[in-house]
């Protein structure tokens, strides 16, 4: 049991291992199963999306391209296209894979059209999926969004 497992375990698990205090043959993580032993777990995969626009004065927003609004439209597209695909995938022991939009940062200050918006997402992978597969799936959907709706 460690206190920093959500942040990589550097001061908990990693420290215990590097100090020779943690020598294991197996690992049981009971957090998601109410402490029932299970044979699989979803893996967290952090994905960052950066959307670019063009800065302009807030009094003349039509002269710019608002990256925050572009990102919002792209996220709605992902919600409509990707979420149903993920929800339809089944695994015998786990919930389906998922994508969670966790953090959005865009703009410099009030009165300026934002030229950049960064979105941090949490994609949970089930056994058989890889980070590369998840990234490619999102990339293809965003390419489709760019071609059909709006260039990113």
C-alpha atoms as a PDB file:
ATOM      1  CA  UNK A   1       0.000   0.000   0.000  1.00  0.00           C
ATOM      2  CA  UNK A   2       1.448   3.384  -1.004  1.00  0.00           C
ATOM      3  CA  UNK A   3       0.238   6.950  -0.848  1.00  0.00           C
ATOM      4  CA  UNK A   4       1.445   8.142  -4.255  1.00  0.00           C
ATOM      5  CA  UNK A   5       0.286   5.473  -6.680  1.00  0.00           C
ATOM      6  CA  UNK A   6      -1.690   8.032  -8.699  1.00  0.00           C
ATOM      7  CA  UNK A   7       1.550   9.905  -9.427  1.00  0.00           C
ATOM      8  CA  UNK A   8       3.923   7.120 -10.443  1.00  0.00           C
ATOM      9  CA  UNK A   9       4.807   5.732  -7.025  1.00  0.00           C
ATOM     10  CA  UNK A  10       8.242   7.414  -6.974  1.00  0.00           C
ATOM     11  CA  UNK A  11       8.101   8.099  -3.239  1.00  0.00           C
ATOM     12  CA  UNK A  12       6.273   4.902  -2.382  1.00  0.00           C
ATOM     13  CA  UNK A  13       6.615   1.757  -4.481  1.00  0.00           C
ATOM     14  CA  UNK A  14       9.708   2.885  -6.385  1.00  0.00           C
ATOM     15  CA  UNK A  15      11.453   4.012  -3.184  1.00  0.00           C
ATOM     16  CA  UNK A  16      10.600   0.788  -1.355  1.00  0.00           C
ATOM     17  CA  UNK A  17      11.976  -1.239  -4.279  1.00  0.00           C
ATOM     18  CA  UNK A  18      15.169   0.842  -4.672  1.00  0.00           C
ATOM     19  CA  UNK A  19      15.842   0.546  -0.904  1.00  0.00           C
ATOM     20  CA  UNK A  20      15.533  -3.237  -1.105  1.00  0.00           C
ATOM     21  CA  UNK A  21      12.415  -3.285   1.077  1.00  0.00           C
ATOM     22  CA  UNK A  22      10.102  -4.536  -1.657  1.00  0.00           C
ATOM     23  CA  UNK A  23      10.794  -7.918  -3.166  1.00  0.00           C
ATOM     24  CA  UNK A  24       7.756  -9.463  -4.787  1.00  0.00           C
ATOM     25  CA  UNK A  25       6.800 -12.483  -6.818  1.00  0.00           C
ATOM     26  CA  UNK A  26       3.269 -11.253  -7.551  1.00  0.00           C
ATOM     27  CA  UNK A  27       1.086  -8.205  -7.151  1.00  0.00           C
ATOM     28  CA  UNK A  28      -2.553  -7.925  -6.117  1.00  0.00           C
ATOM     29  CA  UNK A  29      -4.353  -4.628  -6.723  1.00  0.00           C
ATOM     30  CA  UNK A  30      -7.760  -4.644  -5.089  1.00  0.00           C
ATOM     31  CA  UNK A  31      -8.763  -1.037  -5.613  1.00  0.00           C
ATOM     32  CA  UNK A  32     -11.099  -1.552  -8.563  1.00  0.00           C
ATOM     33  CA  UNK A  33     -12.552  -4.871  -7.413  1.00  0.00           C
ATOM     34  CA  UNK A  34     -13.413  -4.090  -3.783  1.00  0.00           C
ATOM     35  CA  UNK A  35     -10.415  -6.224  -2.789  1.00  0.00           C
ATOM     36  CA  UNK A  36     -11.533  -9.284  -4.738  1.00  0.00           C
ATOM     37  CA  UNK A  37      -8.726 -11.005  -6.623  1.00  0.00           C
ATOM     38  CA  UNK A  38      -9.011 -10.530 -10.397  1.00  0.00           C
ATOM     39  CA  UNK A  39      -6.777 -11.519 -13.278  1.00  0.00           C
ATOM     40  CA  UNK A  40      -6.846  -8.345 -15.353  1.00  0.00           C
ATOM     41  CA  UNK A  41      -6.769  -4.582 -15.011  1.00  0.00           C
ATOM     42  CA  UNK A  42      -7.282  -1.617 -17.286  1.00  0.00           C
ATOM     43  CA  UNK A  43      -4.101   0.363 -17.883  1.00  0.00           C
ATOM     44  CA  UNK A  44      -3.959   4.167 -17.783  1.00  0.00           C
ATOM     45  CA  UNK A  45      -2.667   5.800 -20.938  1.00  0.00           C
ATOM     46  CA  UNK A  46      -2.214   9.573 -20.869  1.00  0.00           C
ATOM     47  CA  UNK A  47      -2.926  11.283 -24.178  1.00  0.00           C
ATOM     48  CA  UNK A  48      -2.365  14.978 -24.851  1.00  0.00           C
ATOM     49  CA  UNK A  49      -4.086  16.827 -27.677  1.00  0.00           C
ATOM     50  CA  UNK A  50      -2.954  20.307 -28.690  1.00  0.00           C
ATOM     51  CA  UNK A  51      -5.192  22.348 -30.989  1.00  0.00           C
ATOM     52  CA  UNK A  52      -3.850  25.462 -32.700  1.00  0.00           C
ATOM     53  CA  UNK A  53      -5.625  28.575 -33.906  1.00  0.00           C
ATOM     54  CA  UNK A  54      -4.664  32.166 -34.625  1.00  0.00           C
ATOM     55  CA  UNK A  55      -4.467  34.872 -32.001  1.00  0.00           C
ATOM     56  CA  UNK A  56      -6.344  38.126 -32.417  1.00  0.00           C
ATOM     57  CA  UNK A  57      -7.641  40.927 -30.244  1.00  0.00           C
ATOM     58  CA  UNK A  58     -10.741  40.005 -28.265  1.00  0.00           C
ATOM     59  CA  UNK A  59     -12.598  42.985 -29.776  1.00  0.00           C
ATOM     60  CA  UNK A  60     -12.121  41.514 -33.270  1.00  0.00           C
ATOM     61  CA  UNK A  61     -12.418  37.737 -32.768  1.00  0.00           C
ATOM     62  CA  UNK A  62     -13.318  37.189 -36.440  1.00  0.00           C
ATOM     63  CA  UNK A  63      -9.710  38.088 -37.298  1.00  0.00           C
ATOM     64  CA  UNK A  64      -8.433  35.079 -35.349  1.00  0.00           C
ATOM     65  CA  UNK A  65      -9.181  31.410 -35.023  1.00  0.00           C
ATOM     66  CA  UNK A  66     -10.161  30.394 -31.496  1.00  0.00           C
ATOM     67  CA  UNK A  67      -8.228  27.244 -30.530  1.00  0.00           C
ATOM     68  CA  UNK A  68     -10.439  26.636 -27.481  1.00  0.00           C
ATOM     69  CA  UNK A  69     -13.594  26.548 -29.590  1.00  0.00           C
ATOM     70  CA  UNK A  70     -11.900  24.279 -32.143  1.00  0.00           C
ATOM     71  CA  UNK A  71     -10.845  21.934 -29.342  1.00  0.00           C
ATOM     72  CA  UNK A  72     -14.389  21.919 -27.941  1.00  0.00           C
ATOM     73  CA  UNK A  73     -15.826  20.892 -31.318  1.00  0.00           C
ATOM     74  CA  UNK A  74     -13.159  18.195 -31.722  1.00  0.00           C
ATOM     75  CA  UNK A  75     -13.951  16.806 -28.258  1.00  0.00           C
ATOM     76  CA  UNK A  76     -17.668  16.633 -29.026  1.00  0.00           C
ATOM     77  CA  UNK A  77     -16.744  14.765 -32.238  1.00  0.00           C
ATOM     78  CA  UNK A  78     -14.678  12.273 -30.228  1.00  0.00           C
ATOM     79  CA  UNK A  79     -17.514  11.853 -27.747  1.00  0.00           C
ATOM     80  CA  UNK A  80     -19.982  11.116 -30.553  1.00  0.00           C
ATOM     81  CA  UNK A  81     -17.700   8.833 -32.578  1.00  0.00           C
ATOM     82  CA  UNK A  82     -15.247   7.177 -30.183  1.00  0.00           C
ATOM     83  CA  UNK A  83     -17.230   6.726 -26.977  1.00  0.00           C
ATOM     84  CA  UNK A  84     -19.823   4.352 -28.533  1.00  0.00           C
ATOM     85  CA  UNK A  85     -17.019   2.303 -30.093  1.00  0.00           C
ATOM     86  CA  UNK A  86     -15.268   1.966 -26.738  1.00  0.00           C
ATOM     87  CA  UNK A  87     -18.481   1.152 -24.872  1.00  0.00           C
ATOM     88  CA  UNK A  88     -19.282  -1.647 -27.321  1.00  0.00           C
ATOM     89  CA  UNK A  89     -16.020  -3.494 -26.624  1.00  0.00           C
ATOM     90  CA  UNK A  90     -16.342  -6.204 -24.045  1.00  0.00           C
ATOM     91  CA  UNK A  91     -13.869  -7.934 -21.800  1.00  0.00           C
ATOM     92  CA  UNK A  92     -14.780 -10.899 -19.625  1.00  0.00           C
ATOM     93  CA  UNK A  93     -13.423  -9.345 -16.419  1.00  0.00           C
ATOM     94  CA  UNK A  94     -13.299  -5.587 -16.928  1.00  0.00           C
ATOM     95  CA  UNK A  95     -15.414  -2.597 -17.842  1.00  0.00           C
ATOM     96  CA  UNK A  96     -14.935  -1.432 -21.428  1.00  0.00           C
ATOM     97  CA  UNK A  97     -12.017   0.773 -22.420  1.00  0.00           C
ATOM     98  CA  UNK A  98     -12.675   4.467 -21.884  1.00  0.00           C
ATOM     99  CA  UNK A  99     -11.550   7.999 -22.640  1.00  0.00           C
ATOM    100  CA  UNK A 100     -11.861  10.770 -20.060  1.00  0.00           C
ATOM    101  CA  UNK A 101     -11.183  14.417 -20.872  1.00  0.00           C
ATOM    102  CA  UNK A 102      -9.468  15.469 -17.654  1.00  0.00           C
ATOM    103  CA  UNK A 103      -7.934  18.900 -18.142  1.00  0.00           C
ATOM    104  CA  UNK A 104      -8.195  21.732 -20.662  1.00  0.00           C
ATOM    105  CA  UNK A 105      -5.883  24.747 -20.793  1.00  0.00           C
ATOM    106  CA  UNK A 106      -6.117  27.475 -23.407  1.00  0.00           C
ATOM    107  CA  UNK A 107      -5.635  31.163 -23.836  1.00  0.00           C
ATOM    108  CA  UNK A 108      -3.303  33.662 -22.257  1.00  0.00           C
ATOM    109  CA  UNK A 109      -5.699  36.160 -20.766  1.00  0.00           C
ATOM    110  CA  UNK A 110      -8.998  37.930 -21.115  1.00  0.00           C
ATOM    111  CA  UNK A 111      -9.309  39.980 -24.322  1.00  0.00           C
ATOM    112  CA  UNK A 112      -7.134  37.757 -26.536  1.00  0.00           C
ATOM    113  CA  UNK A 113      -8.379  35.058 -28.911  1.00  0.00           C
ATOM    114  CA  UNK A 114      -6.574  31.877 -27.778  1.00  0.00           C
ATOM    115  CA  UNK A 115      -4.086  30.537 -30.319  1.00  0.00           C
ATOM    116  CA  UNK A 116      -3.506  27.240 -28.503  1.00  0.00           C
ATOM    117  CA  UNK A 117      -5.529  24.805 -26.406  1.00  0.00           C
ATOM    118  CA  UNK A 118      -4.085  21.723 -24.702  1.00  0.00           C
ATOM    119  CA  UNK A 119      -6.326  18.845 -23.635  1.00  0.00           C
ATOM    120  CA  UNK A 120      -5.114  16.109 -21.270  1.00  0.00           C
ATOM    121  CA  UNK A 121      -7.010  12.845 -21.594  1.00  0.00           C
ATOM    122  CA  UNK A 122      -7.011   9.552 -19.699  1.00  0.00           C
ATOM    123  CA  UNK A 123      -7.507   6.567 -22.018  1.00  0.00           C
ATOM    124  CA  UNK A 124      -7.981   3.278 -20.163  1.00  0.00           C
ATOM    125  CA  UNK A 125      -6.736   0.271 -22.109  1.00  0.00           C
ATOM    126  CA  UNK A 126      -7.978  -3.278 -21.690  1.00  0.00           C
ATOM    127  CA  UNK A 127      -5.778  -6.333 -22.301  1.00  0.00           C
ATOM    128  CA  UNK A 128      -5.068  -6.636 -26.006  1.00  0.00           C
ATOM    129  CA  UNK A 129      -4.965  -2.874 -26.579  1.00  0.00           C
ATOM    130  CA  UNK A 130      -1.754  -0.856 -26.813  1.00  0.00           C
ATOM    131  CA  UNK A 131      -0.989   2.825 -26.479  1.00  0.00           C
ATOM    132  CA  UNK A 132      -0.152   2.889 -30.187  1.00  0.00           C
ATOM    133  CA  UNK A 133      -3.550   1.407 -31.068  1.00  0.00           C
ATOM    134  CA  UNK A 134      -5.374   3.964 -28.905  1.00  0.00           C
ATOM    135  CA  UNK A 135      -3.380   6.870 -30.358  1.00  0.00           C
ATOM    136  CA  UNK A 136      -4.012   5.702 -33.923  1.00  0.00           C
ATOM    137  CA  UNK A 137      -7.741   5.337 -33.282  1.00  0.00           C
ATOM    138  CA  UNK A 138      -7.943   8.911 -31.987  1.00  0.00           C
ATOM    139  CA  UNK A 139      -5.718  10.231 -34.778  1.00  0.00           C
ATOM    140  CA  UNK A 140      -7.932   8.659 -37.451  1.00  0.00           C
ATOM    141  CA  UNK A 141     -11.073  10.145 -35.915  1.00  0.00           C
ATOM    142  CA  UNK A 142      -9.467  13.588 -35.662  1.00  0.00           C
ATOM    143  CA  UNK A 143      -8.325  13.306 -39.300  1.00  0.00           C
ATOM    144  CA  UNK A 144     -11.934  12.515 -40.207  1.00  0.00           C
ATOM    145  CA  UNK A 145     -13.084  15.525 -38.170  1.00  0.00           C
ATOM    146  CA  UNK A 146     -10.588  17.745 -39.989  1.00  0.00           C
ATOM    147  CA  UNK A 147     -11.679  16.501 -43.387  1.00  0.00           C
ATOM    148  CA  UNK A 148     -15.430  16.636 -42.769  1.00  0.00           C
ATOM    149  CA  UNK A 149     -15.943  19.377 -40.219  1.00  0.00           C
ATOM    150  CA  UNK A 150     -13.039  21.699 -39.598  1.00  0.00           C
ATOM    151  CA  UNK A 151      -9.267  21.613 -40.110  1.00  0.00           C
ATOM    152  CA  UNK A 152      -7.385  21.183 -36.863  1.00  0.00           C
END
